[in-house]
Amino acid sequence: MTRLFSRIQDGGVSLWTWVRMRLHMAICVWCRRYGAQLDILRRLGRKFPEAWGECGGEKLSPEAKERIRRAVENGDK
């Protein structure tokens, strides 16, 4: 389900898969909570994209910050 949540956010699941996910979430409180948390994180990430340069203070190199930013934007693991 966790992988499907990410795919559904990107618009990459079939209608049948979406229906099955909704049915599962009707009975699974853990998946409902995870889905809600993922949605909040995605909305916050879109709301504050300018904060990427401020993350991590001086501990990360600019190259590392850029790699992380690209990975998050692309949905990489």
N, C-alpha and C. Protein backbone atom coordinates (compact mmCIF):
# COMPACT_ATOMS: atom_id res chain seq x y z
N MET A 1 0.81 -1.19 0.00
CA MET A 1 0.00 0.00 0.00
C MET A 1 0.86 1.26 0.00
N THR A 2 1.99 1.24 0.71
CA THR A 2 2.80 2.46 0.77
C THR A 2 3.30 2.86 -0.61
N ARG A 3 3.70 1.91 -1.42
CA ARG A 3 4.14 2.22 -2.78
C ARG A 3 2.98 2.75 -3.62
N LEU A 4 1.82 2.17 -3.42
CA LEU A 4 0.65 2.63 -4.18
C LEU A 4 0.26 4.04 -3.81
N PHE A 5 0.43 4.41 -2.54
CA PHE A 5 0.13 5.79 -2.13
C PHE A 5 0.98 6.78 -2.91
N SER A 6 2.25 6.47 -3.06
CA SER A 6 3.12 7.36 -3.82
C SER A 6 2.71 7.41 -5.28
N ARG A 7 2.37 6.27 -5.84
CA ARG A 7 1.95 6.25 -7.24
C ARG A 7 0.65 6.99 -7.46
N ILE A 8 -0.28 6.88 -6.53
CA ILE A 8 -1.57 7.56 -6.70
C ILE A 8 -1.38 9.08 -6.63
N GLN A 9 -0.44 9.55 -5.80
CA GLN A 9 -0.17 10.97 -5.72
C GLN A 9 0.36 11.51 -7.05
N ASP A 10 1.06 10.67 -7.78
CA ASP A 10 1.62 11.06 -9.07
C ASP A 10 0.67 10.76 -10.22
N GLY A 11 -0.52 10.24 -9.91
CA GLY A 11 -1.50 9.94 -10.94
C GLY A 11 -1.20 8.69 -11.73
N GLY A 12 -0.51 7.72 -11.12
CA GLY A 12 -0.07 6.56 -11.86
C GLY A 12 -0.74 5.25 -11.52
N VAL A 13 -2.01 5.25 -11.11
CA VAL A 13 -2.70 3.99 -10.84
C VAL A 13 -3.98 3.93 -11.65
N SER A 14 -4.39 2.71 -11.94
CA SER A 14 -5.63 2.52 -12.70
C SER A 14 -6.83 2.78 -11.79
N LEU A 15 -7.96 2.95 -12.42
CA LEU A 15 -9.19 3.17 -11.66
C LEU A 15 -9.47 1.99 -10.74
N TRP A 16 -9.27 0.77 -11.23
CA TRP A 16 -9.51 -0.43 -10.43
C TRP A 16 -8.59 -0.46 -9.20
N THR A 17 -7.32 -0.13 -9.38
CA THR A 17 -6.38 -0.09 -8.26
C THR A 17 -6.82 0.97 -7.26
N TRP A 18 -7.22 2.13 -7.74
CA TRP A 18 -7.68 3.19 -6.85
C TRP A 18 -8.89 2.73 -6.03
N VAL A 19 -9.83 2.05 -6.67
CA VAL A 19 -11.03 1.55 -5.97
C VAL A 19 -10.63 0.54 -4.91
N ARG A 20 -9.73 -0.38 -5.26
CA ARG A 20 -9.29 -1.38 -4.28
C ARG A 20 -8.58 -0.72 -3.09
N MET A 21 -7.78 0.31 -3.38
CA MET A 21 -7.11 1.03 -2.28
C MET A 21 -8.14 1.68 -1.36
N ARG A 22 -9.15 2.31 -1.94
CA ARG A 22 -10.18 2.97 -1.14
C ARG A 22 -10.93 1.95 -0.27
N LEU A 23 -11.21 0.80 -0.83
CA LEU A 23 -11.87 -0.25 -0.04
C LEU A 23 -10.99 -0.71 1.10
N HIS A 24 -9.71 -0.89 0.83
CA HIS A 24 -8.78 -1.30 1.89
C HIS A 24 -8.72 -0.23 2.98
N MET A 25 -8.64 1.03 2.59
CA MET A 25 -8.54 2.09 3.58
C MET A 25 -9.81 2.22 4.42
N ALA A 26 -10.93 1.74 3.89
CA ALA A 26 -12.17 1.78 4.67
C ALA A 26 -12.07 0.89 5.91
N ILE A 27 -11.21 -0.12 5.85
CA ILE A 27 -11.09 -1.02 7.00
C ILE A 27 -9.75 -0.91 7.72
N CYS A 28 -8.78 -0.23 7.13
CA CYS A 28 -7.43 -0.19 7.71
C CYS A 28 -7.09 1.21 8.22
N VAL A 29 -7.14 1.38 9.51
CA VAL A 29 -6.85 2.68 10.12
C VAL A 29 -5.41 3.11 9.88
N TRP A 30 -4.49 2.14 9.84
CA TRP A 30 -3.08 2.47 9.65
C TRP A 30 -2.82 3.06 8.27
N CYS A 31 -3.45 2.51 7.27
CA CYS A 31 -3.28 3.05 5.91
C CYS A 31 -3.96 4.41 5.76
N ARG A 32 -5.09 4.60 6.42
CA ARG A 32 -5.73 5.92 6.39
C ARG A 32 -4.82 6.95 7.02
N ARG A 33 -4.22 6.61 8.14
CA ARG A 33 -3.30 7.55 8.81
C ARG A 33 -2.08 7.83 7.94
N TYR A 34 -1.52 6.78 7.37
CA TYR A 34 -0.33 6.96 6.52
C TYR A 34 -0.67 7.84 5.32
N GLY A 35 -1.80 7.59 4.70
CA GLY A 35 -2.22 8.39 3.55
C GLY A 35 -2.40 9.85 3.91
N ALA A 36 -3.00 10.11 5.07
CA ALA A 36 -3.20 11.49 5.51
C ALA A 36 -1.85 12.17 5.80
N GLN A 37 -0.94 11.45 6.43
CA GLN A 37 0.38 12.02 6.72
C GLN A 37 1.15 12.31 5.44
N LEU A 38 1.09 11.39 4.48
CA LEU A 38 1.76 11.59 3.20
C LEU A 38 1.21 12.80 2.47
N ASP A 39 -0.09 12.95 2.51
CA ASP A 39 -0.73 14.09 1.86
C ASP A 39 -0.28 15.41 2.50
N ILE A 40 -0.21 15.45 3.81
CA ILE A 40 0.25 16.65 4.52
C ILE A 40 1.69 16.98 4.12
N LEU A 41 2.55 15.98 4.12
CA LEU A 41 3.96 16.21 3.76
C LEU A 41 4.10 16.72 2.32
N ARG A 42 3.34 16.17 1.41
CA ARG A 42 3.42 16.62 0.02
C ARG A 42 2.93 18.05 -0.13
N ARG A 43 1.83 18.38 0.55
CA ARG A 43 1.32 19.76 0.47
C ARG A 43 2.30 20.75 1.07
N LEU A 44 2.91 20.40 2.19
CA LEU A 44 3.89 21.28 2.81
C LEU A 44 5.13 21.43 1.93
N GLY A 45 5.54 20.35 1.31
CA GLY A 45 6.70 20.41 0.42
C GLY A 45 6.46 21.33 -0.77
N ARG A 46 5.25 21.34 -1.30
CA ARG A 46 4.93 22.23 -2.41
C ARG A 46 4.78 23.67 -1.95
N LYS A 47 4.37 23.84 -0.71
CA LYS A 47 4.11 25.18 -0.19
C LYS A 47 5.40 25.94 0.12
N PHE A 48 6.46 25.22 0.49
CA PHE A 48 7.69 25.86 0.91
C PHE A 48 8.91 25.41 0.10
N PRO A 49 8.86 25.45 -1.22
CA PRO A 49 10.02 24.98 -1.99
C PRO A 49 11.25 25.85 -1.82
N GLU A 50 11.07 27.11 -1.47
CA GLU A 50 12.21 28.01 -1.31
C GLU A 50 13.05 27.66 -0.09
N ALA A 51 12.55 26.86 0.81
CA ALA A 51 13.28 26.51 2.03
C ALA A 51 14.33 25.42 1.80
N TRP A 52 14.41 24.84 0.60
CA TRP A 52 15.38 23.77 0.37
C TRP A 52 16.81 24.21 0.68
N GLY A 53 17.16 25.42 0.33
CA GLY A 53 18.52 25.89 0.55
C GLY A 53 18.86 26.07 2.02
N GLU A 54 17.85 26.17 2.87
CA GLU A 54 18.07 26.39 4.30
C GLU A 54 18.13 25.09 5.09
N CYS A 55 17.80 23.99 4.48
CA CYS A 55 17.77 22.71 5.18
C CYS A 55 19.17 22.22 5.51
N GLY A 56 19.35 21.76 6.72
CA GLY A 56 20.58 21.10 7.10
C GLY A 56 21.70 22.01 7.54
N GLY A 57 21.51 23.29 7.52
CA GLY A 57 22.56 24.20 7.96
C GLY A 57 23.83 24.02 7.16
N GLU A 58 24.96 24.05 7.82
CA GLU A 58 26.26 23.94 7.16
C GLU A 58 26.78 22.52 7.12
N LYS A 59 26.02 21.57 7.59
CA LYS A 59 26.50 20.19 7.67
C LYS A 59 26.53 19.49 6.32
N LEU A 60 25.69 19.89 5.37
CA LEU A 60 25.66 19.26 4.06
C LEU A 60 26.28 20.19 3.02
N SER A 61 26.99 19.59 2.08
CA SER A 61 27.55 20.38 0.99
C SER A 61 26.42 20.81 0.05
N PRO A 62 26.62 21.85 -0.72
CA PRO A 62 25.61 22.26 -1.68
C PRO A 62 25.27 21.15 -2.68
N GLU A 63 26.26 20.34 -3.05
CA GLU A 63 26.02 19.23 -3.97
C GLU A 63 25.10 18.19 -3.33
N ALA A 64 25.32 17.89 -2.06
CA ALA A 64 24.48 16.91 -1.36
C ALA A 64 23.06 17.43 -1.24
N LYS A 65 22.91 18.71 -0.91
CA LYS A 65 21.56 19.29 -0.82
C LYS A 65 20.84 19.20 -2.15
N GLU A 66 21.55 19.46 -3.23
CA GLU A 66 20.94 19.40 -4.56
C GLU A 66 20.53 17.98 -4.92
N ARG A 67 21.38 17.00 -4.59
CA ARG A 67 21.04 15.60 -4.85
C ARG A 67 19.79 15.20 -4.08
N ILE A 68 19.69 15.61 -2.82
CA ILE A 68 18.53 15.28 -2.00
C ILE A 68 17.28 15.96 -2.56
N ARG A 69 17.41 17.23 -2.93
CA ARG A 69 16.27 17.97 -3.47
C ARG A 69 15.76 17.28 -4.74
N ARG A 70 16.66 16.88 -5.64
CA ARG A 70 16.26 16.21 -6.88
C ARG A 70 15.61 14.86 -6.59
N ALA A 71 16.15 14.12 -5.64
CA ALA A 71 15.59 12.82 -5.30
C ALA A 71 14.18 12.96 -4.75
N VAL A 72 13.95 13.94 -3.90
CA VAL A 72 12.62 14.15 -3.34
C VAL A 72 11.65 14.57 -4.44
N GLU A 73 12.06 15.48 -5.29
CA GLU A 73 11.19 15.93 -6.38
C GLU A 73 10.85 14.80 -7.32
N ASN A 74 11.79 13.89 -7.58
CA ASN A 74 11.57 12.80 -8.51
C ASN A 74 10.94 11.58 -7.85
N GLY A 75 10.79 11.60 -6.53
CA GLY A 75 10.21 10.46 -5.83
C GLY A 75 11.14 9.29 -5.68
N ASP A 76 12.46 9.52 -5.80
CA ASP A 76 13.44 8.45 -5.65
C ASP A 76 13.51 8.00 -4.22
N LYS A 77 14.05 6.81 -4.05
CA LYS A 77 14.21 6.29 -2.68
C LYS A 77 15.53 6.72 -2.13
